[in-house]
């Protein structure tokens, strides 16, 4: 996909890509993105995020360990909002769009599981960003890390690249920490981010996305 030339275009063209082209991402481009992303906002200027970007044979080696290891209990809960119907409906909507685009029926449990397991190899993206931070960081710093990750995603669009946030990787936090040489007691593993060039012809990259209407999320008070 072409490069985003405005912030608005970067925001609206960014989507979770689940099919990548077999095309490497060069170090110079990634270095430029990550160097610029350092300017993302963070409360008290803590800049809590840390990360490793892995590609090539090291990435294949890590993915081999992930695909042959049993998943662990994630150290945080990303599914809790599904307890309320409004949020569950949003999840169901994106799931229906994604699986529908891949031609996988709702009752095809095996097909859905096979599609989800592609997370383990980050949808064949040529590079993966693994994100972690010291455990002393609390909710506010988790939020800061999210702002940094969004900044990275938008800068990738400016370079003509795409991404997919992967909380799924938290199921293999111990495997990843071991591979990266991280102290389990000091570091919380947060997520992965698949990085590469989207396959523009893959149906899973083209289904219609839904967003909540603005008036359901934002109130404007005191304006004439």
N, C-alpha and C. Protein backbone atom coordinates (compact mmCIF):
# COMPACT_ATOMS: atom_id res chain seq x y z
N UNK A 1 0.86 -1.20 0.00
CA UNK A 1 0.00 0.00 0.00
C UNK A 1 0.88 1.24 0.00
N UNK A 2 0.41 2.30 -0.62
CA UNK A 2 1.19 3.52 -0.71
C UNK A 2 1.40 4.14 0.66
N UNK A 3 2.39 5.02 0.74
CA UNK A 3 2.70 5.69 2.00
C UNK A 3 1.60 6.67 2.36
N UNK A 4 1.35 6.81 3.66
CA UNK A 4 0.42 7.83 4.13
C UNK A 4 1.13 9.18 4.12
N UNK A 5 0.47 10.19 3.58
CA UNK A 5 1.11 11.50 3.45
C UNK A 5 0.60 12.52 4.46
N UNK A 6 -0.44 12.18 5.20
CA UNK A 6 -0.95 13.05 6.27
C UNK A 6 -1.24 12.20 7.49
N UNK A 7 -1.36 12.85 8.64
CA UNK A 7 -1.71 12.12 9.86
C UNK A 7 -3.07 11.47 9.69
N UNK A 8 -4.02 12.20 9.11
CA UNK A 8 -5.36 11.65 8.91
C UNK A 8 -5.31 10.40 8.05
N UNK A 9 -4.54 10.43 7.00
CA UNK A 9 -4.44 9.26 6.13
C UNK A 9 -3.77 8.09 6.86
N UNK A 10 -2.78 8.39 7.69
CA UNK A 10 -2.12 7.33 8.46
C UNK A 10 -3.11 6.68 9.42
N UNK A 11 -3.93 7.50 10.08
CA UNK A 11 -4.91 6.97 11.03
C UNK A 11 -5.96 6.11 10.33
N UNK A 12 -6.50 6.61 9.24
CA UNK A 12 -7.61 5.92 8.59
C UNK A 12 -7.16 4.73 7.73
N UNK A 13 -5.91 4.70 7.31
CA UNK A 13 -5.43 3.58 6.50
C UNK A 13 -4.78 2.50 7.36
N UNK A 14 -4.50 2.82 8.61
CA UNK A 14 -3.96 1.80 9.51
C UNK A 14 -5.05 0.80 9.86
N UNK A 15 -4.73 -0.45 9.77
CA UNK A 15 -5.62 -1.51 10.20
C UNK A 15 -4.78 -2.71 10.60
N UNK A 16 -5.37 -3.66 11.30
CA UNK A 16 -4.63 -4.85 11.71
C UNK A 16 -4.45 -5.76 10.50
N UNK A 17 -3.22 -5.88 10.05
CA UNK A 17 -2.91 -6.66 8.86
C UNK A 17 -2.59 -8.10 9.26
N UNK A 18 -3.25 -9.04 8.60
CA UNK A 18 -3.07 -10.45 8.94
C UNK A 18 -2.61 -11.29 7.75
N UNK A 19 -2.07 -10.61 6.76
CA UNK A 19 -1.44 -11.30 5.62
C UNK A 19 -0.40 -10.34 5.05
N UNK A 20 0.87 -10.75 5.11
CA UNK A 20 1.98 -9.89 4.68
C UNK A 20 2.66 -10.45 3.44
N UNK A 21 3.24 -9.56 2.66
CA UNK A 21 4.03 -9.96 1.52
C UNK A 21 5.38 -10.50 1.99
N UNK A 22 5.95 -11.39 1.18
CA UNK A 22 7.28 -11.93 1.47
C UNK A 22 8.32 -10.92 1.01
N UNK A 23 8.43 -9.86 1.80
CA UNK A 23 9.30 -8.74 1.45
C UNK A 23 9.95 -8.21 2.73
N UNK A 24 11.26 -8.22 2.82
CA UNK A 24 11.92 -7.79 4.06
C UNK A 24 11.75 -6.30 4.32
N UNK A 25 11.91 -5.93 5.57
CA UNK A 25 11.89 -4.53 5.99
C UNK A 25 13.31 -4.16 6.37
N UNK A 26 13.82 -3.08 5.79
CA UNK A 26 15.23 -2.76 6.02
C UNK A 26 15.43 -2.05 7.37
N UNK A 27 16.62 -2.24 7.90
CA UNK A 27 16.97 -1.70 9.21
C UNK A 27 16.90 -0.18 9.23
N UNK A 28 17.31 0.48 8.17
CA UNK A 28 17.31 1.94 8.13
C UNK A 28 15.90 2.50 8.34
N UNK A 29 14.92 1.88 7.68
CA UNK A 29 13.54 2.34 7.81
C UNK A 29 13.03 2.14 9.23
N UNK A 30 13.28 0.97 9.78
CA UNK A 30 12.81 0.70 11.14
C UNK A 30 13.50 1.60 12.16
N UNK A 31 14.78 1.85 11.95
CA UNK A 31 15.50 2.74 12.86
C UNK A 31 14.91 4.14 12.81
N UNK A 32 14.57 4.62 11.61
CA UNK A 32 13.98 5.95 11.47
C UNK A 32 12.63 6.02 12.20
N UNK A 33 11.81 4.99 12.03
CA UNK A 33 10.51 4.95 12.69
C UNK A 33 10.66 4.97 14.21
N UNK A 34 11.51 4.09 14.72
CA UNK A 34 11.65 3.97 16.16
C UNK A 34 12.31 5.19 16.78
N UNK A 35 13.21 5.82 16.04
CA UNK A 35 13.86 7.03 16.55
C UNK A 35 12.86 8.17 16.66
N UNK A 36 11.97 8.30 15.68
CA UNK A 36 10.95 9.34 15.72
C UNK A 36 9.92 9.05 16.81
N UNK A 37 9.58 7.79 16.99
CA UNK A 37 8.57 7.41 17.99
C UNK A 37 9.00 7.72 19.41
N UNK A 38 10.30 7.97 19.62
CA UNK A 38 10.77 8.33 20.97
C UNK A 38 10.08 9.57 21.50
N UNK A 39 9.51 10.38 20.58
CA UNK A 39 8.89 11.65 20.98
C UNK A 39 7.42 11.49 21.36
N UNK A 40 6.96 10.25 21.46
CA UNK A 40 5.59 10.02 21.93
C UNK A 40 5.45 10.52 23.37
N UNK A 41 4.26 10.95 23.71
CA UNK A 41 4.00 11.48 25.05
C UNK A 41 4.07 10.38 26.10
N UNK A 42 4.49 10.76 27.31
CA UNK A 42 4.42 9.85 28.45
C UNK A 42 4.35 10.68 29.73
N UNK A 43 3.50 10.25 30.64
CA UNK A 43 3.34 10.96 31.90
C UNK A 43 4.65 11.05 32.66
N UNK A 44 4.97 12.24 33.15
CA UNK A 44 6.20 12.49 33.93
C UNK A 44 7.46 12.19 33.13
N UNK A 45 7.32 12.05 31.82
CA UNK A 45 8.45 11.75 30.94
C UNK A 45 9.14 10.43 31.33
N UNK A 46 8.38 9.48 31.86
CA UNK A 46 8.99 8.21 32.27
C UNK A 46 9.47 7.38 31.06
N UNK A 47 8.78 7.53 29.92
CA UNK A 47 9.14 6.74 28.73
C UNK A 47 9.34 5.27 29.12
N UNK A 48 8.29 4.61 29.60
CA UNK A 48 8.44 3.29 30.21
C UNK A 48 8.73 2.14 29.25
N UNK A 49 8.43 2.32 28.00
CA UNK A 49 8.51 1.22 27.03
C UNK A 49 9.95 0.80 26.73
N UNK A 50 10.11 -0.50 26.52
CA UNK A 50 11.33 -1.07 25.99
C UNK A 50 10.92 -2.12 24.96
N UNK A 51 11.79 -2.42 24.03
CA UNK A 51 11.39 -3.34 22.97
C UNK A 51 12.59 -3.94 22.25
N UNK A 52 12.33 -5.04 21.56
CA UNK A 52 13.29 -5.65 20.65
C UNK A 52 12.56 -5.93 19.34
N UNK A 53 13.21 -5.64 18.22
CA UNK A 53 12.66 -5.98 16.92
C UNK A 53 13.48 -7.14 16.36
N UNK A 54 12.80 -8.21 15.99
CA UNK A 54 13.47 -9.44 15.57
C UNK A 54 13.07 -9.77 14.14
N UNK A 55 14.02 -10.21 13.35
CA UNK A 55 13.76 -10.57 11.96
C UNK A 55 14.67 -11.74 11.57
N UNK A 56 14.54 -12.20 10.34
CA UNK A 56 15.45 -13.21 9.80
C UNK A 56 15.44 -14.52 10.58
N UNK A 57 16.59 -15.18 10.63
CA UNK A 57 16.69 -16.48 11.29
C UNK A 57 16.39 -16.41 12.78
N UNK A 58 16.83 -15.36 13.50
CA UNK A 58 16.44 -15.29 14.91
C UNK A 58 14.92 -15.30 15.11
N UNK A 59 14.19 -14.62 14.23
CA UNK A 59 12.73 -14.62 14.35
C UNK A 59 12.18 -16.03 14.10
N UNK A 60 12.71 -16.70 13.10
CA UNK A 60 12.26 -18.07 12.83
C UNK A 60 12.54 -18.98 14.01
N UNK A 61 13.71 -18.80 14.63
CA UNK A 61 14.06 -19.61 15.80
C UNK A 61 13.09 -19.37 16.95
N UNK A 62 12.77 -18.11 17.19
CA UNK A 62 11.83 -17.79 18.26
C UNK A 62 10.44 -18.35 17.94
N UNK A 63 9.99 -18.21 16.72
CA UNK A 63 8.67 -18.71 16.34
C UNK A 63 8.60 -20.23 16.45
N UNK A 64 9.72 -20.90 16.19
CA UNK A 64 9.76 -22.35 16.36
C UNK A 64 9.55 -22.72 17.82
N UNK A 65 10.13 -21.93 18.73
CA UNK A 65 9.94 -22.18 20.15
C UNK A 65 8.49 -21.90 20.56
N UNK A 66 7.91 -20.84 20.01
CA UNK A 66 6.53 -20.50 20.34
C UNK A 66 5.57 -21.58 19.87
N UNK A 67 5.74 -22.03 18.64
CA UNK A 67 4.80 -22.99 18.07
C UNK A 67 4.93 -24.39 18.67
N UNK A 68 6.02 -24.65 19.37
CA UNK A 68 6.19 -25.96 20.00
C UNK A 68 6.06 -25.89 21.52
N UNK A 69 5.63 -24.75 22.04
CA UNK A 69 5.45 -24.57 23.48
C UNK A 69 3.97 -24.43 23.81
N UNK A 70 3.60 -24.91 24.99
CA UNK A 70 2.22 -24.75 25.45
C UNK A 70 2.01 -23.31 25.88
N UNK A 71 0.86 -22.72 25.57
CA UNK A 71 0.61 -21.35 26.03
C UNK A 71 0.49 -21.29 27.54
N UNK A 72 0.90 -20.17 28.12
CA UNK A 72 0.81 -19.97 29.56
C UNK A 72 -0.40 -19.10 29.87
N UNK A 73 -0.69 -18.96 31.13
CA UNK A 73 -1.72 -18.01 31.54
C UNK A 73 -1.16 -16.60 31.35
N UNK A 74 -1.86 -15.79 30.58
CA UNK A 74 -1.39 -14.43 30.36
C UNK A 74 -1.35 -13.68 31.68
N UNK A 75 -0.43 -12.74 31.80
CA UNK A 75 -0.26 -12.00 33.05
C UNK A 75 -1.19 -10.79 33.15
N UNK A 76 -2.01 -10.59 32.16
CA UNK A 76 -3.04 -9.56 32.24
C UNK A 76 -4.24 -10.03 31.43
N UNK A 77 -5.37 -9.41 31.66
CA UNK A 77 -6.64 -9.85 31.07
C UNK A 77 -7.09 -8.86 30.00
N UNK A 78 -7.06 -9.28 28.74
CA UNK A 78 -7.54 -8.40 27.67
C UNK A 78 -8.99 -8.68 27.30
N UNK A 79 -9.58 -9.70 27.90
CA UNK A 79 -10.93 -10.11 27.50
C UNK A 79 -12.03 -9.60 28.43
N UNK A 80 -11.66 -8.96 29.52
CA UNK A 80 -12.65 -8.54 30.52
C UNK A 80 -13.80 -7.70 29.96
N UNK A 81 -13.56 -6.77 29.01
CA UNK A 81 -14.69 -5.96 28.52
C UNK A 81 -15.81 -6.79 27.91
N UNK A 82 -15.51 -8.02 27.49
CA UNK A 82 -16.54 -8.87 26.89
C UNK A 82 -17.64 -9.27 27.85
N UNK A 83 -17.48 -8.92 29.13
CA UNK A 83 -18.53 -9.20 30.12
C UNK A 83 -19.76 -8.31 29.91
N UNK A 84 -19.58 -7.18 29.22
CA UNK A 84 -20.70 -6.28 28.92
C UNK A 84 -21.10 -6.43 27.46
N UNK A 85 -22.39 -6.48 27.21
CA UNK A 85 -22.90 -6.76 25.88
C UNK A 85 -22.39 -5.79 24.82
N UNK A 86 -22.32 -4.52 25.15
CA UNK A 86 -21.92 -3.52 24.16
C UNK A 86 -20.53 -3.81 23.62
N UNK A 87 -19.62 -4.19 24.51
CA UNK A 87 -18.26 -4.47 24.09
C UNK A 87 -18.16 -5.83 23.40
N UNK A 88 -18.95 -6.79 23.89
CA UNK A 88 -18.96 -8.11 23.27
C UNK A 88 -19.45 -8.02 21.83
N UNK A 89 -20.43 -7.15 21.59
CA UNK A 89 -20.95 -6.97 20.23
C UNK A 89 -19.88 -6.42 19.29
N UNK A 90 -19.03 -5.54 19.81
CA UNK A 90 -17.96 -4.99 18.97
C UNK A 90 -16.96 -6.08 18.60
N UNK A 91 -16.64 -6.93 19.57
CA UNK A 91 -15.74 -8.06 19.30
C UNK A 91 -16.38 -9.00 18.28
N UNK A 92 -17.64 -9.31 18.47
CA UNK A 92 -18.32 -10.22 17.55
C UNK A 92 -18.37 -9.65 16.14
N UNK A 93 -18.52 -8.34 16.03
CA UNK A 93 -18.60 -7.71 14.71
C UNK A 93 -17.28 -7.85 13.96
N UNK A 94 -16.16 -7.58 14.62
CA UNK A 94 -14.88 -7.69 13.92
C UNK A 94 -14.54 -9.15 13.65
N UNK A 95 -14.93 -10.06 14.54
CA UNK A 95 -14.70 -11.48 14.30
C UNK A 95 -15.49 -11.96 13.09
N UNK A 96 -16.74 -11.52 13.00
CA UNK A 96 -17.57 -11.93 11.87
C UNK A 96 -16.98 -11.41 10.55
N UNK A 97 -16.50 -10.17 10.56
CA UNK A 97 -15.90 -9.61 9.36
C UNK A 97 -14.63 -10.34 8.96
N UNK A 98 -13.79 -10.61 9.94
CA UNK A 98 -12.51 -11.26 9.66
C UNK A 98 -12.69 -12.70 9.16
N UNK A 99 -13.45 -13.50 9.92
CA UNK A 99 -13.63 -14.89 9.53
C UNK A 99 -14.47 -15.00 8.25
N UNK A 100 -15.43 -14.09 8.10
CA UNK A 100 -16.23 -14.08 6.88
C UNK A 100 -15.37 -13.81 5.65
N UNK A 101 -14.42 -12.88 5.78
CA UNK A 101 -13.53 -12.56 4.66
C UNK A 101 -12.67 -13.75 4.28
N UNK A 102 -12.34 -14.58 5.27
CA UNK A 102 -11.53 -15.77 4.99
C UNK A 102 -12.37 -16.97 4.60
N UNK A 103 -13.69 -16.80 4.56
CA UNK A 103 -14.57 -17.89 4.17
C UNK A 103 -14.67 -18.98 5.22
N UNK A 104 -14.52 -18.61 6.49
CA UNK A 104 -14.59 -19.58 7.58
C UNK A 104 -15.92 -19.41 8.30
N UNK A 105 -16.74 -20.45 8.28
CA UNK A 105 -18.07 -20.39 8.87
C UNK A 105 -18.01 -20.29 10.38
N UNK A 106 -19.05 -19.77 10.97
CA UNK A 106 -19.10 -19.58 12.42
C UNK A 106 -18.96 -20.91 13.17
N UNK A 107 -19.51 -21.99 12.58
CA UNK A 107 -19.45 -23.28 13.26
C UNK A 107 -18.22 -24.11 12.89
N UNK A 108 -17.31 -23.52 12.14
CA UNK A 108 -16.09 -24.22 11.74
C UNK A 108 -15.00 -23.97 12.79
N UNK A 109 -15.07 -24.71 13.89
CA UNK A 109 -14.13 -24.51 14.98
C UNK A 109 -12.70 -24.76 14.58
N UNK A 110 -12.47 -25.80 13.80
CA UNK A 110 -11.11 -26.13 13.37
C UNK A 110 -10.54 -25.04 12.48
N UNK A 111 -11.36 -24.52 11.59
CA UNK A 111 -10.91 -23.47 10.69
C UNK A 111 -10.58 -22.19 11.45
N UNK A 112 -11.40 -21.88 12.42
CA UNK A 112 -11.15 -20.68 13.23
C UNK A 112 -9.88 -20.83 14.05
N UNK A 113 -9.66 -22.02 14.60
CA UNK A 113 -8.46 -22.24 15.39
C UNK A 113 -7.22 -22.15 14.51
N UNK A 114 -7.28 -22.71 13.31
CA UNK A 114 -6.13 -22.64 12.40
C UNK A 114 -5.81 -21.20 12.04
N UNK A 115 -6.84 -20.39 11.84
CA UNK A 115 -6.63 -18.99 11.51
C UNK A 115 -6.01 -18.25 12.70
N UNK A 116 -6.49 -18.54 13.91
CA UNK A 116 -5.96 -17.88 15.09
C UNK A 116 -4.51 -18.28 15.35
N UNK A 117 -4.15 -19.51 15.02
CA UNK A 117 -2.79 -19.97 15.26
C UNK A 117 -1.77 -19.27 14.38
N UNK A 118 -2.22 -18.58 13.34
CA UNK A 118 -1.30 -17.80 12.52
C UNK A 118 -0.68 -16.65 13.32
N UNK A 119 -1.33 -16.34 14.46
CA UNK A 119 -0.74 -15.36 15.37
C UNK A 119 0.65 -15.78 15.81
N UNK A 120 0.85 -17.10 15.97
CA UNK A 120 2.11 -17.61 16.51
C UNK A 120 3.30 -17.26 15.62
N UNK A 121 3.05 -17.12 14.33
CA UNK A 121 4.13 -16.73 13.40
C UNK A 121 3.89 -15.32 12.88
N UNK A 122 3.08 -14.56 13.63
CA UNK A 122 2.82 -13.15 13.31
C UNK A 122 2.40 -12.96 11.85
N UNK A 123 1.58 -13.90 11.37
CA UNK A 123 1.00 -13.80 10.03
C UNK A 123 2.08 -13.70 8.95
N UNK A 124 3.23 -14.32 9.25
CA UNK A 124 4.37 -14.34 8.30
C UNK A 124 4.94 -12.95 8.03
N UNK A 125 4.76 -12.04 8.97
CA UNK A 125 5.41 -10.73 8.85
C UNK A 125 6.92 -10.90 8.91
N UNK A 126 7.68 -10.10 8.16
CA UNK A 126 9.13 -10.26 8.14
C UNK A 126 9.84 -9.75 9.39
N UNK A 127 9.16 -8.95 10.21
CA UNK A 127 9.76 -8.43 11.44
C UNK A 127 8.69 -8.34 12.52
N UNK A 128 9.10 -8.54 13.75
CA UNK A 128 8.17 -8.45 14.87
C UNK A 128 8.80 -7.61 15.99
N UNK A 129 8.02 -6.67 16.48
CA UNK A 129 8.40 -5.84 17.62
C UNK A 129 7.86 -6.49 18.88
N UNK A 130 8.73 -6.77 19.85
CA UNK A 130 8.33 -7.35 21.13
C UNK A 130 8.49 -6.28 22.21
N UNK A 131 7.41 -6.02 22.93
CA UNK A 131 7.35 -4.88 23.85
C UNK A 131 7.26 -5.34 25.30
N UNK A 132 8.03 -4.70 26.16
CA UNK A 132 8.06 -5.06 27.57
C UNK A 132 8.46 -3.83 28.38
N UNK A 133 8.29 -3.91 29.69
CA UNK A 133 8.68 -2.81 30.57
C UNK A 133 8.85 -3.35 31.98
N UNK A 134 9.56 -2.63 32.85
CA UNK A 134 9.73 -3.07 34.23
C UNK A 134 8.38 -3.23 34.93
N UNK A 135 8.27 -4.23 35.78
CA UNK A 135 7.01 -4.51 36.46
C UNK A 135 6.55 -3.40 37.39
N UNK A 136 7.45 -2.51 37.78
CA UNK A 136 7.05 -1.41 38.65
C UNK A 136 6.15 -0.41 37.92
N UNK A 137 6.09 -0.51 36.60
CA UNK A 137 5.20 0.36 35.83
C UNK A 137 3.75 -0.07 36.06
N UNK A 138 2.89 0.93 36.33
CA UNK A 138 1.48 0.64 36.61
C UNK A 138 0.59 1.10 35.45
N UNK A 139 -0.73 1.18 35.74
CA UNK A 139 -1.70 1.40 34.67
C UNK A 139 -1.40 2.63 33.82
N UNK A 140 -0.98 3.72 34.47
CA UNK A 140 -0.70 4.94 33.71
C UNK A 140 0.42 4.72 32.69
N UNK A 141 1.43 3.96 33.09
CA UNK A 141 2.55 3.71 32.18
C UNK A 141 2.18 2.70 31.10
N UNK A 142 1.25 1.79 31.40
CA UNK A 142 0.73 0.89 30.36
C UNK A 142 0.04 1.74 29.28
N UNK A 143 -0.72 2.74 29.75
CA UNK A 143 -1.37 3.64 28.81
C UNK A 143 -0.34 4.39 27.96
N UNK A 144 0.73 4.86 28.59
CA UNK A 144 1.79 5.54 27.85
C UNK A 144 2.40 4.62 26.79
N UNK A 145 2.58 3.36 27.14
CA UNK A 145 3.14 2.40 26.18
C UNK A 145 2.20 2.22 25.00
N UNK A 146 0.89 2.24 25.27
CA UNK A 146 -0.08 2.17 24.18
C UNK A 146 0.01 3.37 23.25
N UNK A 147 0.22 4.56 23.83
CA UNK A 147 0.36 5.76 22.99
C UNK A 147 1.62 5.65 22.12
N UNK A 148 2.67 5.12 22.69
CA UNK A 148 3.90 4.92 21.93
C UNK A 148 3.69 3.92 20.80
N UNK A 149 3.00 2.83 21.09
CA UNK A 149 2.73 1.81 20.07
C UNK A 149 1.89 2.38 18.93
N UNK A 150 0.89 3.19 19.26
CA UNK A 150 0.08 3.82 18.21
C UNK A 150 0.95 4.75 17.38
N UNK A 151 1.85 5.47 18.02
CA UNK A 151 2.76 6.35 17.29
C UNK A 151 3.62 5.54 16.33
N UNK A 152 4.13 4.40 16.80
CA UNK A 152 4.91 3.52 15.92
C UNK A 152 4.07 3.08 14.72
N UNK A 153 2.83 2.66 14.97
CA UNK A 153 1.96 2.18 13.90
C UNK A 153 1.71 3.25 12.85
N UNK A 154 1.50 4.49 13.29
CA UNK A 154 1.23 5.57 12.33
C UNK A 154 2.49 5.94 11.55
N UNK A 155 3.63 5.92 12.21
CA UNK A 155 4.89 6.19 11.51
C UNK A 155 5.21 5.10 10.50
N UNK A 156 4.84 3.87 10.81
CA UNK A 156 5.00 2.78 9.83
C UNK A 156 4.16 3.05 8.59
N UNK A 157 2.95 3.55 8.78
CA UNK A 157 2.11 3.88 7.61
C UNK A 157 2.76 4.98 6.78
N UNK A 158 3.41 5.93 7.43
CA UNK A 158 4.10 6.99 6.69
C UNK A 158 5.19 6.41 5.80
N UNK A 159 5.75 5.26 6.20
CA UNK A 159 6.81 4.60 5.44
C UNK A 159 6.25 3.58 4.44
N UNK A 160 4.91 3.47 4.37
CA UNK A 160 4.31 2.48 3.48
C UNK A 160 4.26 1.09 4.07
N UNK A 161 4.50 0.99 5.37
CA UNK A 161 4.48 -0.29 6.08
C UNK A 161 3.19 -0.45 6.87
N UNK A 162 2.97 -1.67 7.32
CA UNK A 162 1.77 -1.98 8.09
C UNK A 162 2.12 -2.81 9.30
N UNK A 163 1.12 -3.03 10.16
CA UNK A 163 1.38 -3.71 11.42
C UNK A 163 0.14 -4.42 11.92
N UNK A 164 0.34 -5.22 12.96
CA UNK A 164 -0.78 -5.84 13.68
C UNK A 164 -0.37 -5.96 15.13
N UNK A 165 -1.12 -5.34 16.02
CA UNK A 165 -0.86 -5.47 17.45
C UNK A 165 -1.20 -6.89 17.88
N UNK A 166 -0.35 -7.50 18.70
CA UNK A 166 -0.54 -8.90 19.08
C UNK A 166 -0.46 -9.11 20.60
N UNK A 167 -1.57 -8.89 21.28
CA UNK A 167 -1.64 -9.26 22.69
C UNK A 167 -1.51 -10.77 22.85
N UNK A 168 -1.81 -11.49 21.78
CA UNK A 168 -1.67 -12.96 21.76
C UNK A 168 -0.31 -13.40 22.27
N UNK A 169 0.71 -12.63 22.00
CA UNK A 169 2.06 -13.02 22.39
C UNK A 169 2.24 -13.10 23.90
N UNK A 170 1.33 -12.49 24.65
CA UNK A 170 1.41 -12.58 26.11
C UNK A 170 1.22 -14.02 26.58
N UNK A 171 0.64 -14.87 25.73
CA UNK A 171 0.48 -16.28 26.07
C UNK A 171 1.81 -17.03 26.05
N UNK A 172 2.84 -16.37 25.53
CA UNK A 172 4.16 -16.99 25.43
C UNK A 172 5.22 -16.07 26.05
N UNK A 173 4.81 -15.33 27.08
CA UNK A 173 5.69 -14.35 27.70
C UNK A 173 6.99 -14.98 28.20
N UNK A 174 6.90 -16.14 28.82
CA UNK A 174 8.11 -16.77 29.36
C UNK A 174 9.06 -17.19 28.25
N UNK A 175 8.52 -17.76 27.19
CA UNK A 175 9.35 -18.17 26.05
C UNK A 175 10.05 -16.96 25.45
N UNK A 176 9.33 -15.88 25.30
CA UNK A 176 9.89 -14.68 24.69
C UNK A 176 10.92 -14.03 25.61
N UNK A 177 10.60 -13.95 26.90
CA UNK A 177 11.58 -13.38 27.83
C UNK A 177 12.88 -14.19 27.83
N UNK A 178 12.75 -15.50 27.83
CA UNK A 178 13.95 -16.35 27.80
C UNK A 178 14.76 -16.09 26.54
N UNK A 179 14.07 -16.00 25.41
CA UNK A 179 14.76 -15.81 24.14
C UNK A 179 15.49 -14.47 24.09
N UNK A 180 14.86 -13.45 24.65
CA UNK A 180 15.44 -12.10 24.63
C UNK A 180 16.40 -11.85 25.79
N UNK A 181 16.51 -12.81 26.69
CA UNK A 181 17.42 -12.64 27.82
C UNK A 181 16.91 -11.67 28.86
N UNK A 182 15.60 -11.63 29.07
CA UNK A 182 14.99 -10.70 30.02
C UNK A 182 14.76 -11.39 31.36
N UNK A 183 15.00 -10.66 32.43
CA UNK A 183 14.76 -11.14 33.78
C UNK A 183 13.25 -11.25 34.01
N UNK A 184 12.76 -12.44 34.30
CA UNK A 184 11.32 -12.65 34.49
C UNK A 184 10.78 -11.84 35.65
N UNK A 185 11.56 -11.68 36.69
CA UNK A 185 11.07 -10.95 37.86
C UNK A 185 11.02 -9.45 37.61
N UNK A 186 11.91 -8.96 36.81
CA UNK A 186 11.94 -7.51 36.56
C UNK A 186 10.97 -7.09 35.46
N UNK A 187 10.85 -7.89 34.41
CA UNK A 187 10.14 -7.43 33.22
C UNK A 187 8.77 -8.07 33.02
N UNK A 188 7.78 -7.22 32.79
CA UNK A 188 6.48 -7.63 32.29
C UNK A 188 6.55 -7.64 30.77
N UNK A 189 6.19 -8.76 30.16
CA UNK A 189 6.08 -8.76 28.70
C UNK A 189 4.69 -8.28 28.34
N UNK A 190 4.60 -7.34 27.39
CA UNK A 190 3.32 -6.71 27.08
C UNK A 190 2.67 -7.27 25.82
N UNK A 191 3.32 -7.13 24.67
CA UNK A 191 2.69 -7.56 23.43
C UNK A 191 3.71 -7.64 22.31
N UNK A 192 3.26 -8.17 21.20
CA UNK A 192 4.06 -8.14 19.98
C UNK A 192 3.41 -7.21 18.98
N UNK A 193 4.15 -6.88 17.94
CA UNK A 193 3.59 -6.12 16.82
C UNK A 193 4.22 -6.65 15.54
N UNK A 194 3.40 -7.29 14.71
CA UNK A 194 3.87 -7.76 13.41
C UNK A 194 4.09 -6.55 12.50
N UNK A 195 5.21 -6.53 11.78
CA UNK A 195 5.55 -5.40 10.92
C UNK A 195 5.94 -5.89 9.53
N UNK A 196 5.40 -5.26 8.50
CA UNK A 196 5.78 -5.62 7.14
C UNK A 196 4.92 -4.90 6.13
N UNK A 197 4.90 -5.43 4.93
CA UNK A 197 4.11 -4.86 3.83
C UNK A 197 2.84 -5.70 3.64
N UNK A 198 1.69 -5.05 3.67
CA UNK A 198 0.44 -5.78 3.56
C UNK A 198 0.28 -6.42 2.18
N UNK A 199 -0.35 -7.57 2.15
CA UNK A 199 -0.78 -8.19 0.90
C UNK A 199 -2.09 -7.51 0.52
N UNK A 200 -2.09 -6.68 -0.52
CA UNK A 200 -3.30 -5.91 -0.84
C UNK A 200 -4.44 -6.76 -1.37
N UNK A 201 -4.14 -7.98 -1.79
CA UNK A 201 -5.16 -8.83 -2.38
C UNK A 201 -5.77 -9.81 -1.39
N UNK A 202 -5.23 -9.90 -0.19
CA UNK A 202 -5.74 -10.85 0.80
C UNK A 202 -7.08 -10.37 1.36
N UNK A 203 -8.13 -11.17 1.25
CA UNK A 203 -9.45 -10.75 1.75
C UNK A 203 -9.42 -10.34 3.22
N UNK A 204 -8.57 -10.99 4.04
CA UNK A 204 -8.54 -10.68 5.47
C UNK A 204 -8.03 -9.27 5.73
N UNK A 205 -7.39 -8.67 4.74
CA UNK A 205 -6.90 -7.30 4.88
C UNK A 205 -7.87 -6.27 4.31
N UNK A 206 -9.04 -6.74 3.84
CA UNK A 206 -9.92 -5.82 3.12
C UNK A 206 -11.37 -5.81 3.58
N UNK A 207 -11.71 -6.59 4.62
CA UNK A 207 -13.10 -6.56 5.04
C UNK A 207 -13.43 -5.22 5.68
N UNK A 208 -14.71 -4.86 5.61
CA UNK A 208 -15.14 -3.56 6.13
C UNK A 208 -15.07 -3.54 7.65
N UNK A 209 -14.40 -2.53 8.19
CA UNK A 209 -14.30 -2.38 9.63
C UNK A 209 -15.42 -1.48 10.14
N UNK A 210 -15.78 -1.67 11.39
CA UNK A 210 -16.83 -0.86 12.01
C UNK A 210 -16.25 -0.06 13.17
N UNK A 211 -16.76 1.13 13.35
CA UNK A 211 -16.40 1.96 14.48
C UNK A 211 -17.67 2.54 15.10
N UNK A 212 -17.63 2.74 16.39
CA UNK A 212 -18.77 3.29 17.11
C UNK A 212 -18.98 4.74 16.67
N UNK A 213 -20.23 5.18 16.49
CA UNK A 213 -20.48 6.57 16.12
C UNK A 213 -19.88 7.54 17.15
N UNK A 214 -19.42 8.68 16.68
CA UNK A 214 -18.74 9.64 17.54
C UNK A 214 -19.60 10.04 18.72
N UNK A 215 -20.91 10.24 18.50
CA UNK A 215 -21.75 10.74 19.59
C UNK A 215 -21.98 9.71 20.69
N UNK A 216 -21.55 8.47 20.48
CA UNK A 216 -21.62 7.46 21.53
C UNK A 216 -20.36 7.46 22.40
N UNK A 217 -19.34 8.16 21.96
CA UNK A 217 -18.06 8.13 22.68
C UNK A 217 -17.61 9.49 23.20
N UNK A 218 -18.02 10.56 22.53
CA UNK A 218 -17.49 11.88 22.88
C UNK A 218 -18.63 12.88 23.06
N UNK A 219 -18.58 13.65 24.15
CA UNK A 219 -19.52 14.73 24.38
C UNK A 219 -18.80 16.07 24.23
N UNK A 220 -19.44 17.01 23.58
CA UNK A 220 -18.89 18.36 23.44
C UNK A 220 -19.73 19.28 24.33
N UNK A 221 -19.09 19.86 25.32
CA UNK A 221 -19.82 20.65 26.32
C UNK A 221 -19.31 22.09 26.32
N UNK A 222 -20.25 23.04 26.31
CA UNK A 222 -19.90 24.44 26.41
C UNK A 222 -19.65 25.13 25.09
N UNK A 223 -19.86 24.42 23.97
CA UNK A 223 -19.67 25.02 22.65
C UNK A 223 -20.99 25.64 22.17
N UNK A 224 -20.87 26.75 21.45
CA UNK A 224 -22.07 27.40 20.90
C UNK A 224 -22.55 26.67 19.65
